[in-house]
Amino acid sequence: EIKPLAGKHFAKAYPLIQAACPEVTLDAWIDYAARLTGTAPSVAAAGIVVAECGRGYIHGLFSYMVRYLLNHSAVLTVENFIAVDFGDRDAAMKSLIAGMDRLARDHGCTTIHTHIPDHNAIVSLGNPSTQSHLHAAGHRIGSVSYCKSLSGA
């Protein structure tokens, strides 16, 4: 039987969490589960940030959502991180990355997770890659993400 986890069973599920994430305390697990199941307030903020030059052209953007994750507390989840080369892609990248840091701090996040679109969405004409800019700003690979299309194609 597959069913939602009810509040009265949060502690019952803790041994599984402890096996996968031994650093997570029972209190942290209960707080996390309460936020995800709607029995406690959840961090909720989302939007899109752009890098725009003085002439009004958009050189890059990212979308974001603040989420509450088990082993990181509040996390700024960044997706659709895109910067194009219309003159100074490096400056756009650095500005976007600095914007991510400010946004995370403003929302009380302890971590930033950045999801980069596939290689076809990242336009680079000989400039350093998105990954190298993120790495230079202190970002490291923290997980592997899989994607499965359910469209049947």
Protein backbone atom coordinates (compact mmCIF):
# COMPACT_ATOMS: atom_id res chain seq x y z
CA GLU A 1 0.00 0.00 0.00
CA ILE A 2 1.34 3.43 -0.96
CA LYS A 3 -0.04 6.27 1.14
CA PRO A 4 0.90 9.69 2.50
CA LEU A 5 2.87 9.88 5.74
CA ALA A 6 0.61 11.12 8.54
CA GLY A 7 1.91 13.36 11.33
CA LYS A 8 1.42 10.69 13.97
CA HIS A 9 3.87 8.43 12.06
CA PHE A 10 6.73 10.92 11.54
CA ALA A 11 8.86 9.34 14.28
CA LYS A 12 8.09 5.86 12.98
CA ALA A 13 9.77 6.76 9.65
CA TYR A 14 12.85 8.26 11.30
CA PRO A 15 15.01 5.08 11.24
CA LEU A 16 14.95 5.19 7.43
CA ILE A 17 16.03 8.83 7.46
CA GLN A 18 18.74 8.10 10.00
CA ALA A 19 20.09 5.28 7.80
CA ALA A 20 20.31 7.56 4.74
CA CYS A 21 21.25 10.82 6.49
CA PRO A 22 22.78 10.08 9.92
CA GLU A 23 23.44 13.78 10.55
CA VAL A 24 19.69 14.57 10.61
CA THR A 25 18.24 14.65 14.11
CA LEU A 26 14.77 13.41 14.99
CA ASP A 27 13.64 17.00 15.64
CA ALA A 28 14.97 18.14 12.25
CA TRP A 29 13.18 15.23 10.57
CA ILE A 30 9.86 16.00 12.31
CA ASP A 31 10.17 19.70 11.41
CA TYR A 32 10.94 18.82 7.78
CA ALA A 33 8.07 16.31 7.54
CA ALA A 34 5.65 18.79 9.10
CA ARG A 35 6.58 21.45 6.54
CA LEU A 36 6.22 19.05 3.60
CA THR A 37 2.91 17.60 4.73
CA GLY A 38 1.37 20.99 5.44
CA THR A 39 1.15 20.58 9.21
CA ALA A 40 3.69 23.41 9.70
CA PRO A 41 4.36 26.62 7.73
CA SER A 42 6.61 26.09 4.73
CA VAL A 43 9.15 28.41 3.19
CA ALA A 44 7.59 29.60 -0.07
CA ALA A 45 9.12 32.13 -2.40
CA ALA A 46 9.75 31.96 -6.13
CA GLY A 47 10.61 34.17 -9.06
CA ILE A 48 12.83 34.91 -12.03
CA VAL A 49 15.97 37.07 -11.94
CA VAL A 50 17.52 38.60 -15.06
CA ALA A 51 20.89 40.15 -15.91
CA GLU A 52 20.19 43.27 -17.94
CA CYS A 53 22.74 45.63 -19.45
CA GLY A 54 22.52 49.41 -19.33
CA ARG A 55 20.92 49.43 -22.78
CA GLY A 56 18.07 47.21 -21.61
CA TYR A 57 19.13 43.91 -23.19
CA ILE A 58 18.75 40.77 -21.11
CA HIS A 59 21.97 38.74 -21.13
CA GLY A 60 20.95 36.00 -18.72
CA LEU A 61 18.42 34.76 -16.24
CA PHE A 62 17.52 32.14 -13.70
CA SER A 63 14.34 31.03 -12.01
CA TYR A 64 14.31 30.17 -8.34
CA MET A 65 12.24 28.68 -5.57
CA VAL A 66 12.98 28.56 -1.86
CA ARG A 67 12.40 25.06 -0.54
CA TYR A 68 12.92 23.30 2.74
CA LEU A 69 15.15 20.22 2.39
CA LEU A 70 15.91 17.59 4.96
CA ASN A 71 19.66 17.98 5.32
CA HIS A 72 20.03 21.67 4.36
CA SER A 73 17.08 23.52 5.97
CA ALA A 74 16.03 26.39 3.66
CA VAL A 75 17.52 26.00 0.17
CA LEU A 76 17.49 28.37 -2.79
CA THR A 77 16.83 26.08 -5.75
CA VAL A 78 17.95 27.75 -8.99
CA GLU A 79 16.85 26.44 -12.37
CA ASN A 80 17.07 27.63 -15.95
CA PHE A 81 20.44 29.29 -15.34
CA ILE A 82 21.15 30.74 -18.76
CA ALA A 83 23.61 33.39 -19.94
CA VAL A 84 24.23 34.24 -23.57
CA ASP A 85 27.11 35.97 -25.28
CA PHE A 86 25.90 39.40 -26.37
CA GLY A 87 29.17 41.05 -25.51
CA ASP A 88 30.14 40.27 -21.94
CA ARG A 89 28.81 36.85 -20.93
CA ASP A 90 31.35 36.64 -18.10
CA ALA A 91 29.97 39.79 -16.48
CA ALA A 92 26.41 38.48 -16.80
CA MET A 93 27.43 35.15 -15.24
CA LYS A 94 29.21 36.82 -12.34
CA SER A 95 26.26 39.15 -11.73
CA LEU A 96 23.77 36.29 -11.79
CA ILE A 97 25.87 34.22 -9.39
CA ALA A 98 26.23 37.19 -7.01
CA GLY A 99 22.45 37.70 -7.28
CA MET A 100 21.90 34.08 -6.28
CA ASP A 101 24.02 34.61 -3.16
CA ARG A 102 22.10 37.77 -2.17
CA LEU A 103 18.75 36.10 -2.78
CA ALA A 104 19.71 33.08 -0.69
CA ARG A 105 20.81 35.28 2.21
CA ASP A 106 17.66 37.42 1.94
CA HIS A 107 15.51 34.30 2.29
CA GLY A 108 17.54 32.77 5.13
CA CYS A 109 18.78 29.89 2.98
CA THR A 110 21.73 27.82 4.13
CA THR A 111 22.45 26.30 0.71
CA ILE A 112 22.03 27.01 -3.00
CA HIS A 113 21.22 24.19 -5.42
CA THR A 114 21.76 25.17 -9.05
CA HIS A 115 20.35 23.10 -11.88
CA ILE A 116 21.94 23.90 -15.23
CA PRO A 117 19.97 23.22 -18.43
CA ASP A 118 21.36 20.66 -20.84
CA HIS A 119 24.32 21.68 -23.02
CA ASN A 120 22.07 22.90 -25.83
CA ALA A 121 20.62 25.64 -23.64
CA ILE A 122 23.98 27.05 -22.58
CA VAL A 123 25.34 29.32 -25.29
CA SER A 124 29.10 29.72 -25.15
CA LEU A 125 31.32 31.00 -27.90
CA GLY A 126 34.72 30.15 -26.48
CA ASN A 127 34.02 31.66 -23.08
CA PRO A 128 34.46 29.79 -19.81
CA SER A 129 31.61 27.41 -19.10
CA THR A 130 28.76 27.97 -16.69
CA GLN A 131 30.19 25.21 -14.54
CA SER A 132 33.59 26.89 -14.29
CA HIS A 133 31.98 30.18 -13.20
CA LEU A 134 29.95 28.40 -10.54
CA HIS A 135 33.01 26.48 -9.38
CA ALA A 136 35.03 29.72 -9.12
CA ALA A 137 32.25 31.19 -6.94
CA GLY A 138 32.45 28.27 -4.49
CA HIS A 139 29.74 25.98 -5.87
CA ARG A 140 30.48 22.24 -5.91
CA ILE A 141 28.62 19.22 -7.26
CA GLY A 142 26.40 18.11 -4.41
CA SER A 143 24.08 15.63 -6.04
CA VAL A 144 23.17 13.94 -9.28
CA SER A 145 19.78 14.58 -10.80
CA TYR A 146 17.99 12.25 -13.21
CA CYS A 147 15.25 13.25 -15.61
CA LYS A 148 12.62 10.96 -17.10
CA SER A 149 10.15 12.15 -19.69
CA LEU A 150 6.66 10.72 -19.30
CA SER A 151 5.48 12.01 -22.66
CA GLY A 152 6.18 8.66 -24.35
CA ALA A 153 8.65 10.13 -26.83
